[in-house]
């Protein structure tokens, strides 16, 4: 259970950090950005 919980917490942190970095890079939203974050996050996990 601890291994699963550690993976989830790390994944949540990576999701927040990558989205914040992309937003600072683009300063705008858009469907392509959201899709890129979702696909990249799933592949990264």
ModelCIF file with pLDDT and N, C-alpha, C, O atoms, coordinates in Angstrom:
data_MODEL
#
_entry.id   MODEL 
#
_entity.id                         1 
_entity.type                       polymer 
_entity.pdbx_number_of_molecules   1 
#
_entity_poly.entity_id                      1 
_entity_poly.type                           'polypeptide(L)' 
_entity_poly.nstd_linkage                   no 
_entity_poly.nstd_monomer                   no 
_entity_poly.pdbx_seq_one_letter_code       
;(UNK)(UNK)(UNK)(UNK)(UNK)(UNK)(UNK)(UNK)(UNK)(UNK)(UNK)(UNK)(UNK)(UNK)(UNK)(UNK)
(UNK)(UNK)(UNK)(UNK)(UNK)(UNK)(UNK)(UNK)(UNK)(UNK)(UNK)(UNK)(UNK)(UNK)(UNK)(UNK)
(UNK)(UNK)(UNK)(UNK)(UNK)(UNK)(UNK)(UNK)(UNK)(UNK)(UNK)(UNK)(UNK)
;
_entity_poly.pdbx_seq_one_letter_code_can   XXXXXXXXXXXXXXXXXXXXXXXXXXXXXXXXXXXXXXXXXXXXX 
_entity_poly.pdbx_strand_id                 A 
#
loop_
_entity_poly_seq.entity_id 
_entity_poly_seq.num 
_entity_poly_seq.mon_id 
_entity_poly_seq.hetero 
1 1  UNK n 
1 2  UNK n 
1 3  UNK n 
1 4  UNK n 
1 5  UNK n 
1 6  UNK n 
1 7  UNK n 
1 8  UNK n 
1 9  UNK n 
1 10 UNK n 
1 11 UNK n 
1 12 UNK n 
1 13 UNK n 
1 14 UNK n 
1 15 UNK n 
1 16 UNK n 
1 17 UNK n 
1 18 UNK n 
1 19 UNK n 
1 20 UNK n 
1 21 UNK n 
1 22 UNK n 
1 23 UNK n 
1 24 UNK n 
1 25 UNK n 
1 26 UNK n 
1 27 UNK n 
1 28 UNK n 
1 29 UNK n 
1 30 UNK n 
1 31 UNK n 
1 32 UNK n 
1 33 UNK n 
1 34 UNK n 
1 35 UNK n 
1 36 UNK n 
1 37 UNK n 
1 38 UNK n 
1 39 UNK n 
1 40 UNK n 
1 41 UNK n 
1 42 UNK n 
1 43 UNK n 
1 44 UNK n 
1 45 UNK n 
#
_struct_asym.id          A 
_struct_asym.entity_id   1 
#
loop_
_ma_qa_metric.id 
_ma_qa_metric.mode 
_ma_qa_metric.name 
_ma_qa_metric.software_group_id 
_ma_qa_metric.type 
1 global pLDDT . pLDDT 
2 local  pLDDT . pLDDT 
#
_ma_qa_metric_global.metric_id      1 
_ma_qa_metric_global.metric_value   90.67 
_ma_qa_metric_global.model_id       1 
_ma_qa_metric_global.ordinal_id     1 
#
loop_
_ma_qa_metric_local.label_asym_id 
_ma_qa_metric_local.label_comp_id 
_ma_qa_metric_local.label_seq_id 
_ma_qa_metric_local.metric_id 
_ma_qa_metric_local.metric_value 
_ma_qa_metric_local.model_id 
_ma_qa_metric_local.ordinal_id 
A UNK 1  2 86.00 1 1  
A UNK 2  2 88.00 1 2  
A UNK 3  2 90.00 1 3  
A UNK 4  2 92.00 1 4  
A UNK 5  2 93.00 1 5  
A UNK 6  2 95.00 1 6  
A UNK 7  2 96.00 1 7  
A UNK 8  2 96.00 1 8  
A UNK 9  2 97.00 1 9  
A UNK 10 2 97.00 1 10 
A UNK 11 2 97.00 1 11 
A UNK 12 2 97.00 1 12 
A UNK 13 2 97.00 1 13 
A UNK 14 2 97.00 1 14 
A UNK 15 2 96.00 1 15 
A UNK 16 2 96.00 1 16 
A UNK 17 2 96.00 1 17 
A UNK 18 2 95.00 1 18 
A UNK 19 2 94.00 1 19 
A UNK 20 2 94.00 1 20 
A UNK 21 2 92.00 1 21 
A UNK 22 2 90.00 1 22 
A UNK 23 2 90.00 1 23 
A UNK 24 2 89.00 1 24 
A UNK 25 2 82.00 1 25 
A UNK 26 2 77.00 1 26 
A UNK 27 2 71.00 1 27 
A UNK 28 2 68.00 1 28 
A UNK 29 2 64.00 1 29 
A UNK 30 2 75.00 1 30 
A UNK 31 2 84.00 1 31 
A UNK 32 2 84.00 1 32 
A UNK 33 2 87.00 1 33 
A UNK 34 2 89.00 1 34 
A UNK 35 2 92.00 1 35 
A UNK 36 2 93.00 1 36 
A UNK 37 2 93.00 1 37 
A UNK 38 2 95.00 1 38 
A UNK 39 2 96.00 1 39 
A UNK 40 2 96.00 1 40 
A UNK 41 2 96.00 1 41 
A UNK 42 2 97.00 1 42 
A UNK 43 2 97.00 1 43 
A UNK 44 2 97.00 1 44 
A UNK 45 2 97.00 1 45 
#
loop_
_atom_site.group_PDB 
_atom_site.id 
_atom_site.type_symbol 
_atom_site.label_atom_id 
_atom_site.label_alt_id 
_atom_site.label_comp_id 
_atom_site.label_asym_id 
_atom_site.label_entity_id 
_atom_site.label_seq_id 
_atom_site.pdbx_PDB_ins_code 
_atom_site.Cartn_x 
_atom_site.Cartn_y 
_atom_site.Cartn_z 
_atom_site.occupancy 
_atom_site.B_iso_or_equiv 
_atom_site.pdbx_formal_charge 
_atom_site.auth_seq_id 
_atom_site.auth_comp_id 
_atom_site.auth_asym_id 
_atom_site.auth_atom_id 
_atom_site.pdbx_PDB_model_num 
ATOM 1   N N  . UNK A 1 1  ? 0.837  -1.198 0.000   1.00 86.00 ? 1  UNK A N  1 
ATOM 2   C CA . UNK A 1 1  ? 0.000  0.000  0.000   1.00 86.00 ? 1  UNK A CA 1 
ATOM 3   C C  . UNK A 1 1  ? 0.871  1.248  0.000   1.00 86.00 ? 1  UNK A C  1 
ATOM 4   O O  . UNK A 1 1  ? 0.552  2.240  -0.655  1.00 86.00 ? 1  UNK A O  1 
ATOM 5   N N  . UNK A 1 2  ? 1.979  1.189  0.743   1.00 88.00 ? 2  UNK A N  1 
ATOM 6   C CA . UNK A 1 2  ? 2.880  2.335  0.771   1.00 88.00 ? 2  UNK A CA 1 
ATOM 7   C C  . UNK A 1 2  ? 3.501  2.617  -0.588  1.00 88.00 ? 2  UNK A C  1 
ATOM 8   O O  . UNK A 1 2  ? 3.691  3.776  -0.958  1.00 88.00 ? 2  UNK A O  1 
ATOM 9   N N  . UNK A 1 3  ? 3.817  1.569  -1.329  1.00 90.00 ? 3  UNK A N  1 
ATOM 10  C CA . UNK A 1 3  ? 4.386  1.766  -2.670  1.00 90.00 ? 3  UNK A CA 1 
ATOM 11  C C  . UNK A 1 3  ? 3.372  2.424  -3.598  1.00 90.00 ? 3  UNK A C  1 
ATOM 12  O O  . UNK A 1 3  ? 3.726  3.322  -4.362  1.00 90.00 ? 3  UNK A O  1 
ATOM 13  N N  . UNK A 1 4  ? 2.110  1.987  -3.541  1.00 92.00 ? 4  UNK A N  1 
ATOM 14  C CA . UNK A 1 4  ? 1.075  2.610  -4.364  1.00 92.00 ? 4  UNK A CA 1 
ATOM 15  C C  . UNK A 1 4  ? 0.846  4.064  -3.951  1.00 92.00 ? 4  UNK A C  1 
ATOM 16  O O  . UNK A 1 4  ? 0.711  4.945  -4.801  1.00 92.00 ? 4  UNK A O  1 
ATOM 17  N N  . UNK A 1 5  ? 0.803  4.307  -2.642  1.00 93.00 ? 5  UNK A N  1 
ATOM 18  C CA . UNK A 1 5  ? 0.585  5.667  -2.173  1.00 93.00 ? 5  UNK A CA 1 
ATOM 19  C C  . UNK A 1 5  ? 1.725  6.602  -2.559  1.00 93.00 ? 5  UNK A C  1 
ATOM 20  O O  . UNK A 1 5  ? 1.494  7.757  -2.916  1.00 93.00 ? 5  UNK A O  1 
ATOM 21  N N  . UNK A 1 6  ? 2.948  6.103  -2.487  1.00 95.00 ? 6  UNK A N  1 
ATOM 22  C CA . UNK A 1 6  ? 4.092  6.925  -2.899  1.00 95.00 ? 6  UNK A CA 1 
ATOM 23  C C  . UNK A 1 6  ? 4.016  7.256  -4.378  1.00 95.00 ? 6  UNK A C  1 
ATOM 24  O O  . UNK A 1 6  ? 4.307  8.385  -4.774  1.00 95.00 ? 6  UNK A O  1 
ATOM 25  N N  . UNK A 1 7  ? 3.633  6.298  -5.194  1.00 96.00 ? 7  UNK A N  1 
ATOM 26  C CA . UNK A 1 7  ? 3.511  6.542  -6.632  1.00 96.00 ? 7  UNK A CA 1 
ATOM 27  C C  . UNK A 1 7  ? 2.432  7.581  -6.912  1.00 96.00 ? 7  UNK A C  1 
ATOM 28  O O  . UNK A 1 7  ? 2.622  8.457  -7.755  1.00 96.00 ? 7  UNK A O  1 
ATOM 29  N N  . UNK A 1 8  ? 1.309  7.493  -6.219  1.00 96.00 ? 8  UNK A N  1 
ATOM 30  C CA . UNK A 1 8  ? 0.221  8.446  -6.441  1.00 96.00 ? 8  UNK A CA 1 
ATOM 31  C C  . UNK A 1 8  ? 0.648  9.858  -6.038  1.00 96.00 ? 8  UNK A C  1 
ATOM 32  O O  . UNK A 1 8  ? 0.401  10.814 -6.774  1.00 96.00 ? 8  UNK A O  1 
ATOM 33  N N  . UNK A 1 9  ? 1.279  9.992  -4.890  1.00 97.00 ? 9  UNK A N  1 
ATOM 34  C CA . UNK A 1 9  ? 1.702  11.325 -4.442  1.00 97.00 ? 9  UNK A CA 1 
ATOM 35  C C  . UNK A 1 9  ? 2.734  11.926 -5.378  1.00 97.00 ? 9  UNK A C  1 
ATOM 36  O O  . UNK A 1 9  ? 2.667  13.111 -5.704  1.00 97.00 ? 9  UNK A O  1 
ATOM 37  N N  . UNK A 1 10 ? 3.686  11.117 -5.811  1.00 97.00 ? 10 UNK A N  1 
ATOM 38  C CA . UNK A 1 10 ? 4.679  11.621 -6.760  1.00 97.00 ? 10 UNK A CA 1 
ATOM 39  C C  . UNK A 1 10 ? 4.027  11.999 -8.086  1.00 97.00 ? 10 UNK A C  1 
ATOM 40  O O  . UNK A 1 10 ? 4.379  13.013 -8.688  1.00 97.00 ? 10 UNK A O  1 
ATOM 41  N N  . UNK A 1 11 ? 3.083  11.188 -8.535  1.00 97.00 ? 11 UNK A N  1 
ATOM 42  C CA . UNK A 1 11 ? 2.408  11.488 -9.802  1.00 97.00 ? 11 UNK A CA 1 
ATOM 43  C C  . UNK A 1 11 ? 1.614  12.777 -9.714  1.00 97.00 ? 11 UNK A C  1 
ATOM 44  O O  . UNK A 1 11 ? 1.612  13.566 -10.658 1.00 97.00 ? 11 UNK A O  1 
ATOM 45  N N  . UNK A 1 12 ? 0.938  13.005 -8.593  1.00 97.00 ? 12 UNK A N  1 
ATOM 46  C CA . UNK A 1 12 ? 0.201  14.257 -8.424  1.00 97.00 ? 12 UNK A CA 1 
ATOM 47  C C  . UNK A 1 12 ? 1.154  15.452 -8.459  1.00 97.00 ? 12 UNK A C  1 
ATOM 48  O O  . UNK A 1 12 ? 0.863  16.469 -9.088  1.00 97.00 ? 12 UNK A O  1 
ATOM 49  N N  . UNK A 1 13 ? 2.293  15.319 -7.780  1.00 97.00 ? 13 UNK A N  1 
ATOM 50  C CA . UNK A 1 13 ? 3.265  16.400 -7.807  1.00 97.00 ? 13 UNK A CA 1 
ATOM 51  C C  . UNK A 1 13 ? 3.811  16.659 -9.202  1.00 97.00 ? 13 UNK A C  1 
ATOM 52  O O  . UNK A 1 13 ? 3.971  17.812 -9.602  1.00 97.00 ? 13 UNK A O  1 
ATOM 53  N N  . UNK A 1 14 ? 4.097  15.595 -9.945  1.00 97.00 ? 14 UNK A N  1 
ATOM 54  C CA . UNK A 1 14 ? 4.586  15.757 -11.308 1.00 97.00 ? 14 UNK A CA 1 
ATOM 55  C C  . UNK A 1 14 ? 3.518  16.387 -12.196 1.00 97.00 ? 14 UNK A C  1 
ATOM 56  O O  . UNK A 1 14 ? 3.838  17.200 -13.063 1.00 97.00 ? 14 UNK A O  1 
ATOM 57  N N  . UNK A 1 15 ? 2.263  16.023 -11.993 1.00 96.00 ? 15 UNK A N  1 
ATOM 58  C CA . UNK A 1 15 ? 1.195  16.619 -12.782 1.00 96.00 ? 15 UNK A CA 1 
ATOM 59  C C  . UNK A 1 15 ? 1.073  18.114 -12.551 1.00 96.00 ? 15 UNK A C  1 
ATOM 60  O O  . UNK A 1 15 ? 0.921  18.879 -13.503 1.00 96.00 ? 15 UNK A O  1 
ATOM 61  N N  . UNK A 1 16 ? 1.139  18.537 -11.293 1.00 96.00 ? 16 UNK A N  1 
ATOM 62  C CA . UNK A 1 16 ? 1.044  19.968 -10.983 1.00 96.00 ? 16 UNK A CA 1 
ATOM 63  C C  . UNK A 1 16 ? 2.249  20.720 -11.539 1.00 96.00 ? 16 UNK A C  1 
ATOM 64  O O  . UNK A 1 16 ? 2.094  21.795 -12.119 1.00 96.00 ? 16 UNK A O  1 
ATOM 65  N N  . UNK A 1 17 ? 3.450  20.163 -11.367 1.00 96.00 ? 17 UNK A N  1 
ATOM 66  C CA . UNK A 1 17 ? 4.659  20.853 -11.807 1.00 96.00 ? 17 UNK A CA 1 
ATOM 67  C C  . UNK A 1 17 ? 4.720  20.973 -13.334 1.00 96.00 ? 17 UNK A C  1 
ATOM 68  O O  . UNK A 1 17 ? 5.063  22.033 -13.857 1.00 96.00 ? 17 UNK A O  1 
ATOM 69  N N  . UNK A 1 18 ? 4.392  19.902 -14.042 1.00 95.00 ? 18 UNK A N  1 
ATOM 70  C CA . UNK A 1 18 ? 4.448  19.968 -15.501 1.00 95.00 ? 18 UNK A CA 1 
ATOM 71  C C  . UNK A 1 18 ? 3.403  20.925 -16.065 1.00 95.00 ? 18 UNK A C  1 
ATOM 72  O O  . UNK A 1 18 ? 3.677  21.654 -17.018 1.00 95.00 ? 18 UNK A O  1 
ATOM 73  N N  . UNK A 1 19 ? 2.204  20.925 -15.477 1.00 94.00 ? 19 UNK A N  1 
ATOM 74  C CA . UNK A 1 19 ? 1.182  21.863 -15.951 1.00 94.00 ? 19 UNK A CA 1 
ATOM 75  C C  . UNK A 1 19 ? 1.582  23.305 -15.661 1.00 94.00 ? 19 UNK A C  1 
ATOM 76  O O  . UNK A 1 19 ? 1.367  24.184 -16.495 1.00 94.00 ? 19 UNK A O  1 
ATOM 77  N N  . UNK A 1 20 ? 2.162  23.559 -14.489 1.00 94.00 ? 20 UNK A N  1 
ATOM 78  C CA . UNK A 1 20 ? 2.606  24.916 -14.173 1.00 94.00 ? 20 UNK A CA 1 
ATOM 79  C C  . UNK A 1 20 ? 3.729  25.359 -15.102 1.00 94.00 ? 20 UNK A C  1 
ATOM 80  O O  . UNK A 1 20 ? 3.753  26.511 -15.535 1.00 94.00 ? 20 UNK A O  1 
ATOM 81  N N  . UNK A 1 21 ? 4.663  24.455 -15.415 1.00 92.00 ? 21 UNK A N  1 
ATOM 82  C CA . UNK A 1 21 ? 5.751  24.806 -16.325 1.00 92.00 ? 21 UNK A CA 1 
ATOM 83  C C  . UNK A 1 21 ? 5.223  25.109 -17.720 1.00 92.00 ? 21 UNK A C  1 
ATOM 84  O O  . UNK A 1 21 ? 5.680  26.055 -18.360 1.00 92.00 ? 21 UNK A O  1 
ATOM 85  N N  . UNK A 1 22 ? 4.270  24.321 -18.197 1.00 90.00 ? 22 UNK A N  1 
ATOM 86  C CA . UNK A 1 22 ? 3.693  24.573 -19.519 1.00 90.00 ? 22 UNK A CA 1 
ATOM 87  C C  . UNK A 1 22 ? 2.941  25.893 -19.533 1.00 90.00 ? 22 UNK A C  1 
ATOM 88  O O  . UNK A 1 22 ? 3.008  26.629 -20.517 1.00 90.00 ? 22 UNK A O  1 
ATOM 89  N N  . UNK A 1 23 ? 2.234  26.202 -18.470 1.00 90.00 ? 23 UNK A N  1 
ATOM 90  C CA . UNK A 1 23 ? 1.499  27.466 -18.429 1.00 90.00 ? 23 UNK A CA 1 
ATOM 91  C C  . UNK A 1 23 ? 2.456  28.661 -18.421 1.00 90.00 ? 23 UNK A C  1 
ATOM 92  O O  . UNK A 1 23 ? 2.192  29.666 -19.081 1.00 90.00 ? 23 UNK A O  1 
ATOM 93  N N  . UNK A 1 24 ? 3.562  28.561 -17.681 1.00 89.00 ? 24 UNK A N  1 
ATOM 94  C CA . UNK A 1 24 ? 4.544  29.636 -17.690 1.00 89.00 ? 24 UNK A CA 1 
ATOM 95  C C  . UNK A 1 24 ? 5.196  29.786 -19.061 1.00 89.00 ? 24 UNK A C  1 
ATOM 96  O O  . UNK A 1 24 ? 5.587  30.885 -19.454 1.00 89.00 ? 24 UNK A O  1 
ATOM 97  N N  . UNK A 1 25 ? 5.307  28.687 -19.773 1.00 82.00 ? 25 UNK A N  1 
ATOM 98  C CA . UNK A 1 25 ? 5.918  28.718 -21.103 1.00 82.00 ? 25 UNK A CA 1 
ATOM 99  C C  . UNK A 1 25 ? 4.972  29.324 -22.134 1.00 82.00 ? 25 UNK A C  1 
ATOM 100 O O  . UNK A 1 25 ? 5.411  30.074 -23.007 1.00 82.00 ? 25 UNK A O  1 
ATOM 101 N N  . UNK A 1 26 ? 3.688  29.010 -22.046 1.00 77.00 ? 26 UNK A N  1 
ATOM 102 C CA . UNK A 1 26 ? 2.726  29.461 -23.055 1.00 77.00 ? 26 UNK A CA 1 
ATOM 103 C C  . UNK A 1 26 ? 1.886  30.654 -22.612 1.00 77.00 ? 26 UNK A C  1 
ATOM 104 O O  . UNK A 1 26 ? 1.531  31.496 -23.437 1.00 77.00 ? 26 UNK A O  1 
ATOM 105 N N  . UNK A 1 27 ? 1.562  30.740 -21.325 1.00 71.00 ? 27 UNK A N  1 
ATOM 106 C CA . UNK A 1 27 ? 0.713  31.812 -20.804 1.00 71.00 ? 27 UNK A CA 1 
ATOM 107 C C  . UNK A 1 27 ? -0.670 31.819 -21.447 1.00 71.00 ? 27 UNK A C  1 
ATOM 108 O O  . UNK A 1 27 ? -1.296 32.874 -21.555 1.00 71.00 ? 27 UNK A O  1 
ATOM 109 N N  . UNK A 1 28 ? -1.143 30.678 -21.865 1.00 68.00 ? 28 UNK A N  1 
ATOM 110 C CA . UNK A 1 28 ? -2.474 30.593 -22.444 1.00 68.00 ? 28 UNK A CA 1 
ATOM 111 C C  . UNK A 1 28 ? -2.940 29.149 -22.370 1.00 68.00 ? 28 UNK A C  1 
ATOM 112 O O  . UNK A 1 28 ? -2.148 28.243 -22.112 1.00 68.00 ? 28 UNK A O  1 
ATOM 113 N N  . UNK A 1 29 ? -4.222 28.945 -22.596 1.00 64.00 ? 29 UNK A N  1 
ATOM 114 C CA . UNK A 1 29 ? -4.773 27.599 -22.571 1.00 64.00 ? 29 UNK A CA 1 
ATOM 115 C C  . UNK A 1 29 ? -4.960 27.070 -23.972 1.00 64.00 ? 29 UNK A C  1 
ATOM 116 O O  . UNK A 1 29 ? -4.201 27.394 -24.887 1.00 64.00 ? 29 UNK A O  1 
ATOM 117 N N  . UNK A 1 30 ? -5.976 26.256 -24.124 1.00 75.00 ? 30 UNK A N  1 
ATOM 118 C CA . UNK A 1 30 ? -6.253 25.676 -25.428 1.00 75.00 ? 30 UNK A CA 1 
ATOM 119 C C  . UNK A 1 30 ? -6.378 24.174 -25.348 1.00 75.00 ? 30 UNK A C  1 
ATOM 120 O O  . UNK A 1 30 ? -5.734 23.514 -24.532 1.00 75.00 ? 30 UNK A O  1 
ATOM 121 N N  . UNK A 1 31 ? -7.232 23.645 -26.227 1.00 84.00 ? 31 UNK A N  1 
ATOM 122 C CA . UNK A 1 31 ? -7.443 22.197 -26.231 1.00 84.00 ? 31 UNK A CA 1 
ATOM 123 C C  . UNK A 1 31 ? -6.170 21.426 -26.562 1.00 84.00 ? 31 UNK A C  1 
ATOM 124 O O  . UNK A 1 31 ? -5.912 20.413 -25.912 1.00 84.00 ? 31 UNK A O  1 
ATOM 125 N N  . UNK A 1 32 ? -5.350 21.847 -27.545 1.00 84.00 ? 32 UNK A N  1 
ATOM 126 C CA . UNK A 1 32 ? -4.124 21.083 -27.815 1.00 84.00 ? 32 UNK A CA 1 
ATOM 127 C C  . UNK A 1 32 ? -3.205 20.983 -26.604 1.00 84.00 ? 32 UNK A C  1 
ATOM 128 O O  . UNK A 1 32 ? -2.579 19.944 -26.397 1.00 84.00 ? 32 UNK A O  1 
ATOM 129 N N  . UNK A 1 33 ? -3.109 22.043 -25.797 1.00 87.00 ? 33 UNK A N  1 
ATOM 130 C CA . UNK A 1 33 ? -2.248 21.982 -24.616 1.00 87.00 ? 33 UNK A CA 1 
ATOM 131 C C  . UNK A 1 33 ? -2.787 21.005 -23.580 1.00 87.00 ? 33 UNK A C  1 
ATOM 132 O O  . UNK A 1 33 ? -2.032 20.225 -22.998 1.00 87.00 ? 33 UNK A O  1 
ATOM 133 N N  . UNK A 1 34 ? -4.083 21.050 -23.355 1.00 89.00 ? 34 UNK A N  1 
ATOM 134 C CA . UNK A 1 34 ? -4.673 20.134 -22.371 1.00 89.00 ? 34 UNK A CA 1 
ATOM 135 C C  . UNK A 1 34 ? -4.509 18.681 -22.822 1.00 89.00 ? 34 UNK A C  1 
ATOM 136 O O  . UNK A 1 34 ? -4.167 17.811 -22.022 1.00 89.00 ? 34 UNK A O  1 
ATOM 137 N N  . UNK A 1 35 ? -4.756 18.426 -24.116 1.00 92.00 ? 35 UNK A N  1 
ATOM 138 C CA . UNK A 1 35 ? -4.587 17.065 -24.633 1.00 92.00 ? 35 UNK A CA 1 
ATOM 139 C C  . UNK A 1 35 ? -3.133 16.639 -24.529 1.00 92.00 ? 35 UNK A C  1 
ATOM 140 O O  . UNK A 1 35 ? -2.853 15.489 -24.188 1.00 92.00 ? 35 UNK A O  1 
ATOM 141 N N  . UNK A 1 36 ? -2.197 17.544 -24.818 1.00 93.00 ? 36 UNK A N  1 
ATOM 142 C CA . UNK A 1 36 ? -0.777 17.203 -24.719 1.00 93.00 ? 36 UNK A CA 1 
ATOM 143 C C  . UNK A 1 36 ? -0.392 16.861 -23.283 1.00 93.00 ? 36 UNK A C  1 
ATOM 144 O O  . UNK A 1 36 ? 0.367  15.920 -23.051 1.00 93.00 ? 36 UNK A O  1 
ATOM 145 N N  . UNK A 1 37 ? -0.907 17.615 -22.325 1.00 93.00 ? 37 UNK A N  1 
ATOM 146 C CA . UNK A 1 37 ? -0.605 17.321 -20.920 1.00 93.00 ? 37 UNK A CA 1 
ATOM 147 C C  . UNK A 1 37 ? -1.192 15.983 -20.486 1.00 93.00 ? 37 UNK A C  1 
ATOM 148 O O  . UNK A 1 37 ? -0.547 15.228 -19.757 1.00 93.00 ? 37 UNK A O  1 
ATOM 149 N N  . UNK A 1 38 ? -2.405 15.688 -20.926 1.00 95.00 ? 38 UNK A N  1 
ATOM 150 C CA . UNK A 1 38 ? -3.038 14.425 -20.535 1.00 95.00 ? 38 UNK A CA 1 
ATOM 151 C C  . UNK A 1 38 ? -2.300 13.238 -21.152 1.00 95.00 ? 38 UNK A C  1 
ATOM 152 O O  . UNK A 1 38 ? -1.992 12.265 -20.464 1.00 95.00 ? 38 UNK A O  1 
ATOM 153 N N  . UNK A 1 39 ? -2.016 13.324 -22.456 1.00 96.00 ? 39 UNK A N  1 
ATOM 154 C CA . UNK A 1 39 ? -1.316 12.215 -23.125 1.00 96.00 ? 39 UNK A CA 1 
ATOM 155 C C  . UNK A 1 39 ? 0.097  12.065 -22.585 1.00 96.00 ? 39 UNK A C  1 
ATOM 156 O O  . UNK A 1 39 ? 0.536  10.954 -22.285 1.00 96.00 ? 39 UNK A O  1 
ATOM 157 N N  . UNK A 1 40 ? 0.817  13.191 -22.459 1.00 96.00 ? 40 UNK A N  1 
ATOM 158 C CA . UNK A 1 40 ? 2.169  13.122 -21.921 1.00 96.00 ? 40 UNK A CA 1 
ATOM 159 C C  . UNK A 1 40 ? 2.206  12.638 -20.483 1.00 96.00 ? 40 UNK A C  1 
ATOM 160 O O  . UNK A 1 40 ? 3.106  11.889 -20.102 1.00 96.00 ? 40 UNK A O  1 
ATOM 161 N N  . UNK A 1 41 ? 1.225  13.065 -19.674 1.00 96.00 ? 41 UNK A N  1 
ATOM 162 C CA . UNK A 1 41 ? 1.187  12.599 -18.291 1.00 96.00 ? 41 UNK A CA 1 
ATOM 163 C C  . UNK A 1 41 ? 0.918  11.113 -18.176 1.00 96.00 ? 41 UNK A C  1 
ATOM 164 O O  . UNK A 1 41 ? 1.509  10.436 -17.335 1.00 96.00 ? 41 UNK A O  1 
ATOM 165 N N  . UNK A 1 42 ? 0.021  10.595 -19.023 1.00 97.00 ? 42 UNK A N  1 
ATOM 166 C CA . UNK A 1 42 ? -0.255 9.159  -18.995 1.00 97.00 ? 42 UNK A CA 1 
ATOM 167 C C  . UNK A 1 42 ? 0.962  8.354  -19.437 1.00 97.00 ? 42 UNK A C  1 
ATOM 168 O O  . UNK A 1 42 ? 1.307  7.347  -18.819 1.00 97.00 ? 42 UNK A O  1 
ATOM 169 N N  . UNK A 1 43 ? 1.611  8.804  -20.515 1.00 97.00 ? 43 UNK A N  1 
ATOM 170 C CA . UNK A 1 43 ? 2.819  8.107  -20.965 1.00 97.00 ? 43 UNK A CA 1 
ATOM 171 C C  . UNK A 1 43 ? 3.938  8.227  -19.930 1.00 97.00 ? 43 UNK A C  1 
ATOM 172 O O  . UNK A 1 43 ? 4.687  7.275  -19.710 1.00 97.00 ? 43 UNK A O  1 
ATOM 173 N N  . UNK A 1 44 ? 4.051  9.400  -19.296 1.00 97.00 ? 44 UNK A N  1 
ATOM 174 C CA . UNK A 1 44 ? 5.063  9.562  -18.266 1.00 97.00 ? 44 UNK A CA 1 
ATOM 175 C C  . UNK A 1 44 ? 4.817  8.666  -17.061 1.00 97.00 ? 44 UNK A C  1 
ATOM 176 O O  . UNK A 1 44 ? 5.762  8.123  -16.490 1.00 97.00 ? 44 UNK A O  1 
ATOM 177 N N  . UNK A 1 45 ? 3.558  8.507  -16.670 1.00 97.00 ? 45 UNK A N  1 
ATOM 178 C CA . UNK A 1 45 ? 3.245  7.621  -15.548 1.00 97.00 ? 45 UNK A CA 1 
ATOM 179 C C  . UNK A 1 45 ? 3.594  6.169  -15.874 1.00 97.00 ? 45 UNK A C  1 
ATOM 180 O O  . UNK A 1 45 ? 3.396  5.284  -15.042 1.00 97.00 ? 45 UNK A O  1 
#
